C-alpha atoms as a PDB file:
ATOM      1  CA  UNK A   1      19.352  -3.242   7.810  1.00  0.00           C
ATOM      2  CA  UNK A   2      17.699  -4.258  11.044  1.00  0.00           C
ATOM      3  CA  UNK A   3      14.412  -5.972  11.808  1.00  0.00           C
ATOM      4  CA  UNK A   4      12.172  -6.992  14.638  1.00  0.00           C
ATOM      5  CA  UNK A   5       9.036  -9.074  14.908  1.00  0.00           C
ATOM      6  CA  UNK A   6       5.617  -8.139  16.300  1.00  0.00           C
ATOM      7  CA  UNK A   7       2.718 -10.524  16.777  1.00  0.00           C
ATOM      8  CA  UNK A   8      -0.907  -9.563  16.047  1.00  0.00           C
ATOM      9  CA  UNK A   9      -2.975 -11.327  13.408  1.00  0.00           C
ATOM     10  CA  UNK A  10       0.202 -12.988  12.153  1.00  0.00           C
ATOM     11  CA  UNK A  11       3.895 -12.217  12.091  1.00  0.00           C
ATOM     12  CA  UNK A  12       4.951  -8.806  10.813  1.00  0.00           C
ATOM     13  CA  UNK A  13       8.612  -8.237   9.994  1.00  0.00           C
ATOM     14  CA  UNK A  14       9.836  -4.647  10.097  1.00  0.00           C
ATOM     15  CA  UNK A  15      12.867  -3.666   8.020  1.00  0.00           C
ATOM     16  CA  UNK A  16      14.628  -0.447   8.938  1.00  0.00           C
ATOM     17  CA  UNK A  17      17.179   1.149   6.645  1.00  0.00           C
ATOM     18  CA  UNK A  18      18.727   4.571   6.150  1.00  0.00           C
ATOM     19  CA  UNK A  19      19.210   7.716   8.183  1.00  0.00           C
ATOM     20  CA  UNK A  20      17.093  10.661   9.217  1.00  0.00           C
ATOM     21  CA  UNK A  21      13.481  11.062  10.263  1.00  0.00           C
ATOM     22  CA  UNK A  22      11.338   7.951   9.698  1.00  0.00           C
ATOM     23  CA  UNK A  23       9.247   7.255   6.612  1.00  0.00           C
ATOM     24  CA  UNK A  24       6.906   4.270   6.910  1.00  0.00           C
ATOM     25  CA  UNK A  25       5.929   2.615   3.603  1.00  0.00           C
ATOM     26  CA  UNK A  26       3.210  -0.013   3.071  1.00  0.00           C
ATOM     27  CA  UNK A  27       3.080  -2.119  -0.086  1.00  0.00           C
ATOM     28  CA  UNK A  28      -0.035  -3.150  -2.091  1.00  0.00           C
ATOM     29  CA  UNK A  29      -1.943  -6.428  -2.268  1.00  0.00           C
ATOM     30  CA  UNK A  30       0.003  -9.393  -3.650  1.00  0.00           C
ATOM     31  CA  UNK A  31       3.494  -7.891  -3.345  1.00  0.00           C
ATOM     32  CA  UNK A  32       5.911  -7.351  -0.435  1.00  0.00           C
ATOM     33  CA  UNK A  33       8.199  -4.788   1.189  1.00  0.00           C
ATOM     34  CA  UNK A  34      10.790  -5.159  -1.574  1.00  0.00           C
ATOM     35  CA  UNK A  35       8.584  -3.115  -3.912  1.00  0.00           C
ATOM     36  CA  UNK A  36      10.014   0.025  -2.364  1.00  0.00           C
ATOM     37  CA  UNK A  37      13.548  -0.961  -3.359  1.00  0.00           C
ATOM     38  CA  UNK A  38      12.446  -0.404  -6.957  1.00  0.00           C
ATOM     39  CA  UNK A  39      11.290   3.188  -6.533  1.00  0.00           C
ATOM     40  CA  UNK A  40      12.357   4.964  -3.317  1.00  0.00           C
ATOM     41  CA  UNK A  41      15.626   3.353  -2.205  1.00  0.00           C
ATOM     42  CA  UNK A  42      17.449   6.650  -2.877  1.00  0.00           C
ATOM     43  CA  UNK A  43      15.499   8.226  -0.038  1.00  0.00           C
ATOM     44  CA  UNK A  44      17.468   6.133   2.464  1.00  0.00           C
ATOM     45  CA  UNK A  45      20.223   8.760   2.187  1.00  0.00           C
ATOM     46  CA  UNK A  46      17.890  11.253   3.847  1.00  0.00           C
ATOM     47  CA  UNK A  47      15.253   9.210   5.659  1.00  0.00           C
ATOM     48  CA  UNK A  48      14.999   6.100   7.797  1.00  0.00           C
ATOM     49  CA  UNK A  49      12.813   3.821   5.662  1.00  0.00           C
ATOM     50  CA  UNK A  50      10.554   1.448   7.590  1.00  0.00           C
ATOM     51  CA  UNK A  51       8.907  -1.279   5.529  1.00  0.00           C
ATOM     52  CA  UNK A  52       7.165  -4.563   6.281  1.00  0.00           C
ATOM     53  CA  UNK A  53       5.265  -7.451   4.741  1.00  0.00           C
ATOM     54  CA  UNK A  54       1.516  -7.526   5.261  1.00  0.00           C
ATOM     55  CA  UNK A  55       0.005 -10.686   6.786  1.00  0.00           C
ATOM     56  CA  UNK A  56       0.289 -13.608   4.381  1.00  0.00           C
ATOM     57  CA  UNK A  57       2.630 -11.618   2.121  1.00  0.00           C
ATOM     58  CA  UNK A  58       6.380 -12.000   1.668  1.00  0.00           C
ATOM     59  CA  UNK A  59       7.955 -13.439   4.812  1.00  0.00           C
ATOM     60  CA  UNK A  60       4.864 -12.898   6.986  1.00  0.00           C
ATOM     61  CA  UNK A  61       2.951 -16.139   7.583  1.00  0.00           C
ATOM     62  CA  UNK A  62      -0.686 -16.584   6.645  1.00  0.00           C
ATOM     63  CA  UNK A  63      -2.905 -15.701   9.645  1.00  0.00           C
ATOM     64  CA  UNK A  64      -5.083 -18.386  11.179  1.00  0.00           C
ATOM     65  CA  UNK A  65      -8.118 -16.086  11.211  1.00  0.00           C
ATOM     66  CA  UNK A  66      -9.736 -13.296   9.252  1.00  0.00           C
ATOM     67  CA  UNK A  67      -8.397  -9.812   9.901  1.00  0.00           C
ATOM     68  CA  UNK A  68      -9.453  -6.271   9.043  1.00  0.00           C
ATOM     69  CA  UNK A  69      -7.741  -3.164   7.732  1.00  0.00           C
ATOM     70  CA  UNK A  70      -8.250  -1.736  11.212  1.00  0.00           C
ATOM     71  CA  UNK A  71      -6.414  -4.719  12.719  1.00  0.00           C
ATOM     72  CA  UNK A  72      -3.335  -3.998  10.613  1.00  0.00           C
ATOM     73  CA  UNK A  73      -3.509  -0.331  11.580  1.00  0.00           C
ATOM     74  CA  UNK A  74      -3.503  -1.356  15.253  1.00  0.00           C
ATOM     75  CA  UNK A  75      -0.580  -3.719  14.645  1.00  0.00           C
ATOM     76  CA  UNK A  76       1.307  -0.881  13.007  1.00  0.00           C
ATOM     77  CA  UNK A  77       0.747   1.329  16.031  1.00  0.00           C
ATOM     78  CA  UNK A  78       1.978  -1.372  18.404  1.00  0.00           C
ATOM     79  CA  UNK A  79       5.000  -2.118  16.238  1.00  0.00           C
ATOM     80  CA  UNK A  80       6.022   1.525  15.998  1.00  0.00           C
ATOM     81  CA  UNK A  81       5.810   1.786  19.759  1.00  0.00           C
ATOM     82  CA  UNK A  82       8.082  -1.249  20.076  1.00  0.00           C
ATOM     83  CA  UNK A  83      10.540   0.542  17.783  1.00  0.00           C
ATOM     84  CA  UNK A  84      10.239   3.725  19.920  1.00  0.00           C
ATOM     85  CA  UNK A  85       8.925   5.723  16.969  1.00  0.00           C
ATOM     86  CA  UNK A  86       6.352   8.297  18.051  1.00  0.00           C
ATOM     87  CA  UNK A  87       6.210  10.430  14.895  1.00  0.00           C
ATOM     88  CA  UNK A  88       6.848   9.740  11.205  1.00  0.00           C
ATOM     89  CA  UNK A  89       5.829  10.403   7.637  1.00  0.00           C
ATOM     90  CA  UNK A  90       3.720   7.660   6.036  1.00  0.00           C
ATOM     91  CA  UNK A  91       3.260   6.429   2.467  1.00  0.00           C
ATOM     92  CA  UNK A  92       0.831   3.680   1.449  1.00  0.00           C
ATOM     93  CA  UNK A  93      -0.018   2.156  -1.925  1.00  0.00           C
ATOM     94  CA  UNK A  94      -3.474   0.646  -2.562  1.00  0.00           C
ATOM     95  CA  UNK A  95      -4.296  -1.485   0.523  1.00  0.00           C
ATOM     96  CA  UNK A  96      -1.395   0.338   2.184  1.00  0.00           C
ATOM     97  CA  UNK A  97      -3.233   3.599   1.586  1.00  0.00           C
ATOM     98  CA  UNK A  98      -6.388   2.243   3.211  1.00  0.00           C
ATOM     99  CA  UNK A  99      -4.429   1.101   6.261  1.00  0.00           C
ATOM    100  CA  UNK A 100      -2.873   4.543   6.581  1.00  0.00           C
ATOM    101  CA  UNK A 101      -6.185   6.361   6.209  1.00  0.00           C
ATOM    102  CA  UNK A 102      -7.402   4.520   9.281  1.00  0.00           C
ATOM    103  CA  UNK A 103      -4.075   4.935  11.094  1.00  0.00           C
ATOM    104  CA  UNK A 104      -3.939   8.694  10.446  1.00  0.00           C
ATOM    105  CA  UNK A 105      -7.570   9.178  11.482  1.00  0.00           C
ATOM    106  CA  UNK A 106      -7.023   7.624  14.938  1.00  0.00           C
ATOM    107  CA  UNK A 107      -3.346   8.449  15.560  1.00  0.00           C
ATOM    108  CA  UNK A 108      -3.148  12.004  14.265  1.00  0.00           C
ATOM    109  CA  UNK A 109      -0.281  13.151  16.550  1.00  0.00           C
ATOM    110  CA  UNK A 110       2.002  10.436  15.122  1.00  0.00           C
ATOM    111  CA  UNK A 111       1.557  11.470  11.485  1.00  0.00           C
ATOM    112  CA  UNK A 112       3.710  14.297  10.162  1.00  0.00           C
ATOM    113  CA  UNK A 113       2.846  13.976   6.479  1.00  0.00           C
ATOM    114  CA  UNK A 114       0.746  11.388   4.684  1.00  0.00           C
ATOM    115  CA  UNK A 115       1.002  10.127   1.093  1.00  0.00           C
ATOM    116  CA  UNK A 116      -1.803   7.979  -0.319  1.00  0.00           C
ATOM    117  CA  UNK A 117      -1.197   6.323  -3.685  1.00  0.00           C
ATOM    118  CA  UNK A 118      -3.653   4.559  -6.007  1.00  0.00           C
ATOM    119  CA  UNK A 119      -6.046   3.845  -3.182  1.00  0.00           C
ATOM    120  CA  UNK A 120      -9.671   4.223  -2.148  1.00  0.00           C
ATOM    121  CA  UNK A 121     -11.743   4.720   0.994  1.00  0.00           C
ATOM    122  CA  UNK A 122     -14.223   1.906   0.233  1.00  0.00           C
ATOM    123  CA  UNK A 123     -15.226  -0.545  -2.490  1.00  0.00           C
ATOM    124  CA  UNK A 124     -18.487  -0.623  -4.433  1.00  0.00           C
ATOM    125  CA  UNK A 125     -20.838  -3.623  -4.410  1.00  0.00           C
ATOM    126  CA  UNK A 126     -19.441  -4.747  -7.771  1.00  0.00           C
ATOM    127  CA  UNK A 127     -15.915  -4.597  -6.402  1.00  0.00           C
ATOM    128  CA  UNK A 128     -16.955  -6.509  -3.298  1.00  0.00           C
ATOM    129  CA  UNK A 129     -18.227  -9.291  -5.560  1.00  0.00           C
ATOM    130  CA  UNK A 130     -14.930  -9.095  -7.451  1.00  0.00           C
ATOM    131  CA  UNK A 131     -12.974  -9.522  -4.204  1.00  0.00           C
ATOM    132  CA  UNK A 132     -15.128 -12.484  -3.197  1.00  0.00           C
ATOM    133  CA  UNK A 133     -14.475 -14.171  -6.540  1.00  0.00           C
ATOM    134  CA  UNK A 134     -10.747 -13.504  -6.346  1.00  0.00           C
ATOM    135  CA  UNK A 135     -10.689 -14.956  -2.832  1.00  0.00           C
ATOM    136  CA  UNK A 136     -12.509 -18.078  -4.028  1.00  0.00           C
ATOM    137  CA  UNK A 137     -10.185 -18.625  -6.986  1.00  0.00           C
ATOM    138  CA  UNK A 138      -7.020 -18.039  -4.981  1.00  0.00           C
ATOM    139  CA  UNK A 139      -8.131 -20.546  -2.344  1.00  0.00           C
ATOM    140  CA  UNK A 140      -9.171 -23.212  -4.845  1.00  0.00           C
ATOM    141  CA  UNK A 141      -6.620 -22.726  -7.617  1.00  0.00           C
ATOM    142  CA  UNK A 142      -3.851 -20.460  -6.361  1.00  0.00           C
ATOM    143  CA  UNK A 143      -2.738 -17.270  -8.108  1.00  0.00           C
ATOM    144  CA  UNK A 144      -1.122 -18.675 -11.252  1.00  0.00           C
ATOM    145  CA  UNK A 145      -4.321 -18.358 -13.278  1.00  0.00           C
ATOM    146  CA  UNK A 146      -4.777 -14.714 -12.253  1.00  0.00           C
ATOM    147  CA  UNK A 147      -1.172 -13.641 -12.744  1.00  0.00           C
ATOM    148  CA  UNK A 148      -1.430 -12.085 -16.202  1.00  0.00           C
ATOM    149  CA  UNK A 149      -4.700 -10.297 -15.368  1.00  0.00           C
ATOM    150  CA  UNK A 150      -3.112  -8.847 -12.242  1.00  0.00           C
ATOM    151  CA  UNK A 151      -0.149  -7.566 -14.232  1.00  0.00           C
ATOM    152  CA  UNK A 152      -2.532  -5.984 -16.739  1.00  0.00           C
ATOM    153  CA  UNK A 153      -4.214  -4.162 -13.852  1.00  0.00           C
ATOM    154  CA  UNK A 154      -0.856  -3.070 -12.431  1.00  0.00           C
ATOM    155  CA  UNK A 155       0.723  -1.652 -15.597  1.00  0.00           C
ATOM    156  CA  UNK A 156      -0.261  -0.071 -18.896  1.00  0.00           C
ATOM    157  CA  UNK A 157      -0.072  -2.265 -21.992  1.00  0.00           C
ATOM    158  CA  UNK A 158       2.839  -0.196 -23.295  1.00  0.00           C
ATOM    159  CA  UNK A 159       4.861  -0.716 -20.123  1.00  0.00           C
ATOM    160  CA  UNK A 160       4.194  -4.454 -20.138  1.00  0.00           C
ATOM    161  CA  UNK A 161       5.367  -4.712 -23.741  1.00  0.00           C
ATOM    162  CA  UNK A 162       8.693  -3.101 -22.886  1.00  0.00           C
ATOM    163  CA  UNK A 163       9.384  -5.463 -19.997  1.00  0.00           C
ATOM    164  CA  UNK A 164      11.325  -4.444 -16.886  1.00  0.00           C
ATOM    165  CA  UNK A 165      12.802  -5.674 -13.625  1.00  0.00           C
ATOM    166  CA  UNK A 166       9.704  -4.236 -11.927  1.00  0.00           C
ATOM    167  CA  UNK A 167       7.432  -6.559 -13.883  1.00  0.00           C
ATOM    168  CA  UNK A 168       9.730  -9.511 -13.230  1.00  0.00           C
ATOM    169  CA  UNK A 169       9.640  -8.716  -9.515  1.00  0.00           C
ATOM    170  CA  UNK A 170       5.816  -8.589  -9.472  1.00  0.00           C
ATOM    171  CA  UNK A 171       5.550 -11.828 -11.422  1.00  0.00           C
ATOM    172  CA  UNK A 172       7.932 -13.604  -9.037  1.00  0.00           C
ATOM    173  CA  UNK A 173       6.231 -12.430  -5.839  1.00  0.00           C
ATOM    174  CA  UNK A 174       2.682 -13.117  -7.010  1.00  0.00           C
ATOM    175  CA  UNK A 175       3.563 -16.570  -8.344  1.00  0.00           C
ATOM    176  CA  UNK A 176       4.749 -17.770  -4.933  1.00  0.00           C
ATOM    177  CA  UNK A 177       2.155 -16.072  -2.745  1.00  0.00           C
ATOM    178  CA  UNK A 178      -0.065 -18.445  -0.722  1.00  0.00           C
ATOM    179  CA  UNK A 179      -3.625 -18.479  -2.021  1.00  0.00           C
ATOM    180  CA  UNK A 180      -5.073 -18.200   1.477  1.00  0.00           C
ATOM    181  CA  UNK A 181      -2.920 -15.160   2.247  1.00  0.00           C
ATOM    182  CA  UNK A 182      -4.240 -13.416  -0.860  1.00  0.00           C
ATOM    183  CA  UNK A 183      -7.828 -14.446  -0.105  1.00  0.00           C
ATOM    184  CA  UNK A 184      -7.764 -13.070   3.441  1.00  0.00           C
ATOM    185  CA  UNK A 185      -6.450  -9.728   2.172  1.00  0.00           C
ATOM    186  CA  UNK A 186      -9.171  -9.590  -0.518  1.00  0.00           C
ATOM    187  CA  UNK A 187     -11.810 -10.105   2.152  1.00  0.00           C
ATOM    188  CA  UNK A 188     -10.301  -7.423   4.391  1.00  0.00           C
ATOM    189  CA  UNK A 189     -10.408  -4.963   1.507  1.00  0.00           C
ATOM    190  CA  UNK A 190     -14.000  -5.829   0.684  1.00  0.00           C
ATOM    191  CA  UNK A 191     -15.168  -5.157   4.245  1.00  0.00           C
ATOM    192  CA  UNK A 192     -13.322  -1.866   4.677  1.00  0.00           C
ATOM    193  CA  UNK A 193     -15.245   1.414   4.652  1.00  0.00           C
ATOM    194  CA  UNK A 194     -13.431   4.577   5.762  1.00  0.00           C
ATOM    195  CA  UNK A 195     -15.972   7.035   4.415  1.00  0.00           C
ATOM    196  CA  UNK A 196     -16.818   8.470   7.836  1.00  0.00           C
ATOM    197  CA  UNK A 197     -13.301   8.694   9.214  1.00  0.00           C
ATOM    198  CA  UNK A 198     -11.091  10.392   6.609  1.00  0.00           C
ATOM    199  CA  UNK A 199     -12.222  13.852   7.702  1.00  0.00           C
ATOM    200  CA  UNK A 200     -10.439  13.134  11.006  1.00  0.00           C
ATOM    201  CA  UNK A 201      -7.075  13.130   9.232  1.00  0.00           C
ATOM    202  CA  UNK A 202      -5.266  16.313  10.239  1.00  0.00           C
ATOM    203  CA  UNK A 203      -1.852  15.807   8.646  1.00  0.00           C
ATOM    204  CA  UNK A 204      -0.821  17.454   5.410  1.00  0.00           C
ATOM    205  CA  UNK A 205      -1.784  14.842   2.827  1.00  0.00           C
ATOM    206  CA  UNK A 206      -0.764  14.148  -0.758  1.00  0.00           C
ATOM    207  CA  UNK A 207      -2.903  11.847  -2.902  1.00  0.00           C
ATOM    208  CA  UNK A 208      -1.369  10.363  -6.058  1.00  0.00           C
ATOM    209  CA  UNK A 209      -2.942   8.178  -8.728  1.00  0.00           C
ATOM    210  CA  UNK A 210      -2.069   6.802 -12.121  1.00  0.00           C
ATOM    211  CA  UNK A 211      -4.001   8.601 -14.847  1.00  0.00           C
ATOM    212  CA  UNK A 212      -4.972   5.247 -16.397  1.00  0.00           C
ATOM    213  CA  UNK A 213      -5.849   3.440 -13.179  1.00  0.00           C
ATOM    214  CA  UNK A 214      -9.323   1.944 -12.725  1.00  0.00           C
ATOM    215  CA  UNK A 215     -12.089   4.559 -12.447  1.00  0.00           C
ATOM    216  CA  UNK A 216     -12.769   3.541  -8.841  1.00  0.00           C
ATOM    217  CA  UNK A 217      -9.310   4.709  -7.790  1.00  0.00           C
ATOM    218  CA  UNK A 218      -9.396   7.866  -9.900  1.00  0.00           C
ATOM    219  CA  UNK A 219     -12.790   8.822  -8.486  1.00  0.00           C
ATOM    220  CA  UNK A 220     -11.564   7.998  -4.974  1.00  0.00           C
ATOM    221  CA  UNK A 221      -8.584  10.304  -5.492  1.00  0.00           C
ATOM    222  CA  UNK A 222     -10.901  13.229  -6.148  1.00  0.00           C
ATOM    223  CA  UNK A 223     -13.204  12.272  -3.260  1.00  0.00           C
ATOM    224  CA  UNK A 224     -10.317  11.958  -0.813  1.00  0.00           C
ATOM    225  CA  UNK A 225      -8.911  15.325  -1.895  1.00  0.00           C
ATOM    226  CA  UNK A 226     -12.304  16.899  -1.192  1.00  0.00           C
ATOM    227  CA  UNK A 227     -12.812  15.192   2.169  1.00  0.00           C
ATOM    228  CA  UNK A 228      -9.365  15.172   3.799  1.00  0.00           C
ATOM    229  CA  UNK A 229      -9.052  18.736   5.140  1.00  0.00           C
ATOM    230  CA  UNK A 230      -5.413  19.558   4.369  1.00  0.00           C
ATOM    231  CA  UNK A 231      -4.867  17.638   1.150  1.00  0.00           C
ATOM    232  CA  UNK A 232      -3.805  17.945  -2.464  1.00  0.00           C
ATOM    233  CA  UNK A 233      -3.657  15.511  -5.367  1.00  0.00           C
ATOM    234  CA  UNK A 234      -1.637  14.865  -8.505  1.00  0.00           C
ATOM    235  CA  UNK A 235      -1.850  12.440 -11.413  1.00  0.00           C
ATOM    236  CA  UNK A 236       1.059  10.282 -12.528  1.00  0.00           C
ATOM    237  CA  UNK A 237       1.154   9.755 -16.285  1.00  0.00           C
ATOM    238  CA  UNK A 238       1.197   7.401 -18.038  1.00  0.00           C
ATOM    239  CA  UNK A 239       0.468   4.845 -15.332  1.00  0.00           C
ATOM    240  CA  UNK A 240      -2.047   2.359 -14.004  1.00  0.00           C
ATOM    241  CA  UNK A 241      -2.267   0.931 -10.491  1.00  0.00           C
ATOM    242  CA  UNK A 242       1.443   0.643  -9.690  1.00  0.00           C
ATOM    243  CA  UNK A 243       2.187   4.220 -10.655  1.00  0.00           C
ATOM    244  CA  UNK A 244       5.276   4.484  -8.382  1.00  0.00           C
ATOM    245  CA  UNK A 245       6.945   1.810 -10.528  1.00  0.00           C
ATOM    246  CA  UNK A 246       5.676   2.936 -13.913  1.00  0.00           C
ATOM    247  CA  UNK A 247       6.473   6.615 -13.268  1.00  0.00           C
ATOM    248  CA  UNK A 248       9.485   6.272 -10.976  1.00  0.00           C
ATOM    249  CA  UNK A 249      11.192   9.551 -11.826  1.00  0.00           C
ATOM    250  CA  UNK A 250       8.095  11.713 -11.476  1.00  0.00           C
ATOM    251  CA  UNK A 251       6.910   9.802  -8.415  1.00  0.00           C
ATOM    252  CA  UNK A 252      10.194  10.277  -6.600  1.00  0.00           C
ATOM    253  CA  UNK A 253      10.367  13.940  -7.608  1.00  0.00           C
ATOM    254  CA  UNK A 254       6.860  14.622  -6.265  1.00  0.00           C
ATOM    255  CA  UNK A 255       7.514  12.709  -3.039  1.00  0.00           C
ATOM    256  CA  UNK A 256      10.791  14.557  -2.457  1.00  0.00           C
ATOM    257  CA  UNK A 257       9.097  17.909  -2.975  1.00  0.00           C
ATOM    258  CA  UNK A 258       6.204  17.077  -0.662  1.00  0.00           C
ATOM    259  CA  UNK A 259       8.466  15.726   2.091  1.00  0.00           C
ATOM    260  CA  UNK A 260      10.916  18.603   1.550  1.00  0.00           C
ATOM    261  CA  UNK A 261      13.884  16.292   0.984  1.00  0.00           C
END
């Protein structure tokens, strides 16, 4: 595994592993690049996997200032240029999917195929209030008090009852995440609105969503499929917001088929 560092709105560590054409993967809010080791590590036999920690997540330090989804997209572009990567496939989960919607809309020639998972193009007023409250709590109290609620949003009740290394991983990462890092990401999500740009995405696009995810993400899946020109969608079942972990076998099968691996 190799890595390099790029500076823009905080330190971003890139981890590069595997062989073949590049596949860039972006993790969701509250977790880190290691999420992908739990569901797509087998792809390293066929693809060069490029992962990184979002600002304030994992090994990336908490930024000194607010940032936007668009800022991360710009950082991604700069970092790929540093790595001499001018074309790749891209896969983003939740906030990762929002980052890649923006990236694909303004950097179309760089995107071979795009996979958006359990994501949306904007948040409703109610969700914006939810993000503001989460940001306040994480700043004042940290994430310990929200941990169980976050896990309940990530996984179905049945999956949580069984227990798994995936759940242990999520619990460990969330419990040590800086409150300010989480808060800044919540605020970036709240401000993001990609409604007018997704129709600029020209790459072949696959949209996936857990069949038991929050209605906002399920409705967004249908909206994205209608508004991204060359797109298709599938449901992962049974699963909530972290469908790639809860439905690993089906997720990997669908991704392999779409990427023709």
